[in-house]
C-alpha cells in the first residue's frame, strides 16, 4: 500500500493515512496521517477529505508544510466532500461537521 500511496494512488494514500490516524500497525501519528490524507483529498477522495477536515478542526498543527491547521481549510475540504459525493451518509457527515463549526468566528463558509 505504501508504495502505491507514494506514487500518488489516492485510495492507497487514504488507507495509509487511516493506519497512522488510528495507530494500527504503525504508531499513531496525526502528522503522518495528514501527510497522506492531504494529497488524497486534493485528488477528490471523499473519505480523505472528511478525515483531514476532522484533523484540521482539532486545531493542532499537522503535516509540517503540507497544510497548516486551519478551520477555513477544513471547511473547504468538507464542502468539496459534500458537493461531490452521491453517498448520502458521507454528504450528511460533511454537512453536519460544517454546521457544528459554522458558529466558530474563524471558519470561512465555503
Foldseek 3Di string as FASTA:
>chain_A
DVVVLVVQDLVVLQVVLVCLCVVPPHGNANQSSCVSLLSSLVVPDLVSLQVNLVVLVVVDAHNVPSDGRALQSNQVSLVSSLVPDPDPVSNVSSVVVCVVCVPPPRHDHD
